[in-house]
Amino acid sequence: MSAEADVLETAASLVGAFGAHDVAAYFEAFRPDATFVFHTHPEPLRSRAAYERLWDTWERDGFRVLGCESSDQHVQVVGDVAVFTHRVRTRVRFGVEEDDLDERETIVFVREEDRWRAVHEHLSAFPAS
């Protein structure tokens, strides 16, 4: 299998875990030193643990991922680094309110021995058409 195909498979697993609200599998896809930049959060998160703490606060407030669809996928592999970009549409619940999010996402992966792991995630709102 090519590196691009491996990255697409890894990304599909990560997005699938997120869409299923499988928190353990989702966070396992990221290295402990991964960083995160979200347009919905005022500052960058400098580690997976920081994101996990934020996620815990969201869940205490009633957050749940109800589903997620990925489209317009692209992979660029440069040695042991891969940049995955896509459009992601997510259905979430905050307390009793449900919302549909339309965003663009970049996930940077690094090859570790025989697998790819995410080291950075950046989410931005999809531009209104």
Protein backbone atom coordinates (compact mmCIF):
# COMPACT_ATOMS: atom_id res chain seq x y z
CA MET A 1 0.00 0.00 0.00
CA SER A 2 1.26 3.49 -0.79
CA ALA A 3 1.99 6.09 1.85
CA GLU A 4 -0.93 8.17 0.60
CA ALA A 5 -3.30 5.21 0.96
CA ASP A 6 -1.95 4.49 4.46
CA VAL A 7 -2.54 8.11 5.50
CA LEU A 8 -6.07 8.08 4.06
CA GLU A 9 -6.82 4.89 5.99
CA THR A 10 -5.40 6.37 9.20
CA ALA A 11 -7.35 9.60 8.70
CA ALA A 12 -10.55 7.64 8.06
CA SER A 13 -10.03 5.77 11.31
CA LEU A 14 -9.42 9.00 13.24
CA VAL A 15 -12.47 10.74 11.70
CA GLY A 16 -14.56 7.61 12.24
CA ALA A 17 -13.62 7.49 15.93
CA PHE A 18 -14.47 11.17 16.28
CA GLY A 19 -17.81 10.72 14.49
CA ALA A 20 -18.70 7.78 16.72
CA HIS A 21 -17.72 9.74 19.85
CA ASP A 22 -15.15 7.02 20.58
CA VAL A 23 -13.03 9.26 22.76
CA ALA A 24 -10.31 6.69 23.58
CA ALA A 25 -9.72 5.71 19.94
CA TYR A 26 -9.87 9.34 18.80
CA PHE A 27 -7.21 10.55 21.24
CA GLU A 28 -5.03 7.46 20.68
CA ALA A 29 -4.65 8.60 17.06
CA PHE A 30 -2.64 11.61 18.32
CA ARG A 31 0.86 11.67 19.75
CA PRO A 32 1.07 13.01 23.33
CA ASP A 33 2.96 16.07 22.02
CA ALA A 34 0.33 16.85 19.37
CA THR A 35 -0.90 20.44 19.10
CA PHE A 36 -4.35 21.74 18.20
CA VAL A 37 -5.69 25.02 16.80
CA PHE A 38 -9.48 25.44 16.71
CA HIS A 39 -11.37 28.50 15.48
CA THR A 40 -13.83 27.90 18.33
CA HIS A 41 -11.19 28.11 21.08
CA PRO A 42 -9.25 31.28 21.97
CA GLU A 43 -5.79 29.75 22.28
CA PRO A 44 -3.79 26.87 20.81
CA LEU A 45 -3.68 23.64 22.78
CA ARG A 46 -0.04 22.60 23.16
CA SER A 47 -0.55 18.90 23.99
CA ARG A 48 -2.98 16.04 23.69
CA ALA A 49 -3.50 16.21 27.47
CA ALA A 50 -4.59 19.86 27.19
CA TYR A 51 -7.13 18.90 24.53
CA GLU A 52 -8.35 15.96 26.61
CA ARG A 53 -8.95 18.30 29.56
CA LEU A 54 -10.90 20.69 27.31
CA TRP A 55 -12.91 17.77 25.88
CA ASP A 56 -13.76 16.66 29.44
CA THR A 57 -15.18 20.11 30.22
CA TRP A 58 -17.25 19.99 27.02
CA GLU A 59 -18.64 16.58 27.97
CA ARG A 60 -19.54 17.81 31.45
CA ASP A 61 -21.54 20.54 29.68
CA GLY A 62 -23.38 17.92 27.60
CA PHE A 63 -21.18 17.75 24.48
CA ARG A 64 -21.51 14.73 22.22
CA VAL A 65 -20.48 14.07 18.61
CA LEU A 66 -23.47 12.60 16.77
CA GLY A 67 -21.84 12.05 13.38
CA CYS A 68 -19.14 13.22 11.02
CA GLU A 69 -18.62 13.18 7.24
CA SER A 70 -15.35 13.84 5.44
CA SER A 71 -15.08 15.00 1.83
CA ASP A 72 -12.67 16.73 -0.55
CA GLN A 73 -9.74 14.80 0.91
CA HIS A 74 -6.16 15.46 -0.11
CA VAL A 75 -2.88 13.95 1.12
CA GLN A 76 0.59 15.36 0.61
CA VAL A 77 3.44 13.10 1.77
CA VAL A 78 6.90 14.57 2.32
CA GLY A 79 9.22 11.92 3.70
CA ASP A 80 7.94 10.84 7.11
CA VAL A 81 5.42 13.68 7.31
CA ALA A 82 1.98 13.79 5.70
CA VAL A 83 -0.50 16.64 5.49
CA PHE A 84 -4.14 15.58 5.25
CA THR A 85 -6.76 18.20 4.38
CA HIS A 86 -10.49 17.77 4.02
CA ARG A 87 -13.90 19.33 4.47
CA VAL A 88 -15.64 17.97 7.54
CA ARG A 89 -19.32 18.20 8.37
CA THR A 90 -20.14 17.30 11.95
CA ARG A 91 -23.38 16.94 13.88
CA VAL A 92 -22.92 17.71 17.57
CA ARG A 93 -25.03 18.12 20.67
CA PHE A 94 -24.32 20.69 23.37
CA GLY A 95 -26.71 19.94 26.23
CA VAL A 96 -30.11 19.73 24.53
CA GLU A 97 -29.16 21.79 21.44
CA GLU A 98 -27.95 20.08 18.26
CA ASP A 99 -25.88 21.83 15.63
CA ASP A 100 -24.34 21.10 12.23
CA LEU A 101 -20.78 22.31 11.76
CA ASP A 102 -19.16 22.84 8.36
CA GLU A 103 -15.39 23.17 8.62
CA ARG A 104 -12.07 22.65 6.90
CA GLU A 105 -9.44 20.67 8.70
CA THR A 106 -5.75 20.00 8.35
CA ILE A 107 -4.18 17.08 10.19
CA VAL A 108 -0.42 16.60 10.09
CA PHE A 109 0.76 13.02 10.51
CA VAL A 110 4.23 11.63 11.19
CA ARG A 111 5.36 8.10 10.41
CA GLU A 112 6.34 6.16 13.52
CA GLU A 113 7.86 2.82 12.57
CA ASP A 114 4.94 1.04 10.86
CA ARG A 115 2.10 3.52 11.41
CA TRP A 116 1.08 7.14 11.02
CA ARG A 117 0.11 9.26 14.07
CA ALA A 118 -1.34 12.73 14.15
CA VAL A 119 0.89 15.48 15.52
CA HIS A 120 -1.18 18.57 14.68
CA GLU A 121 -4.81 19.41 13.95
CA HIS A 122 -6.13 22.75 12.70
CA LEU A 123 -9.84 23.46 12.24
CA SER A 124 -11.31 26.51 10.52
CA ALA A 125 -14.86 27.42 9.61
CA PHE A 126 -15.79 26.66 6.01
CA PRO A 127 -16.35 29.98 4.20
CA ALA A 128 -19.99 30.89 3.64
CA SER A 129 -20.95 30.63 -0.01
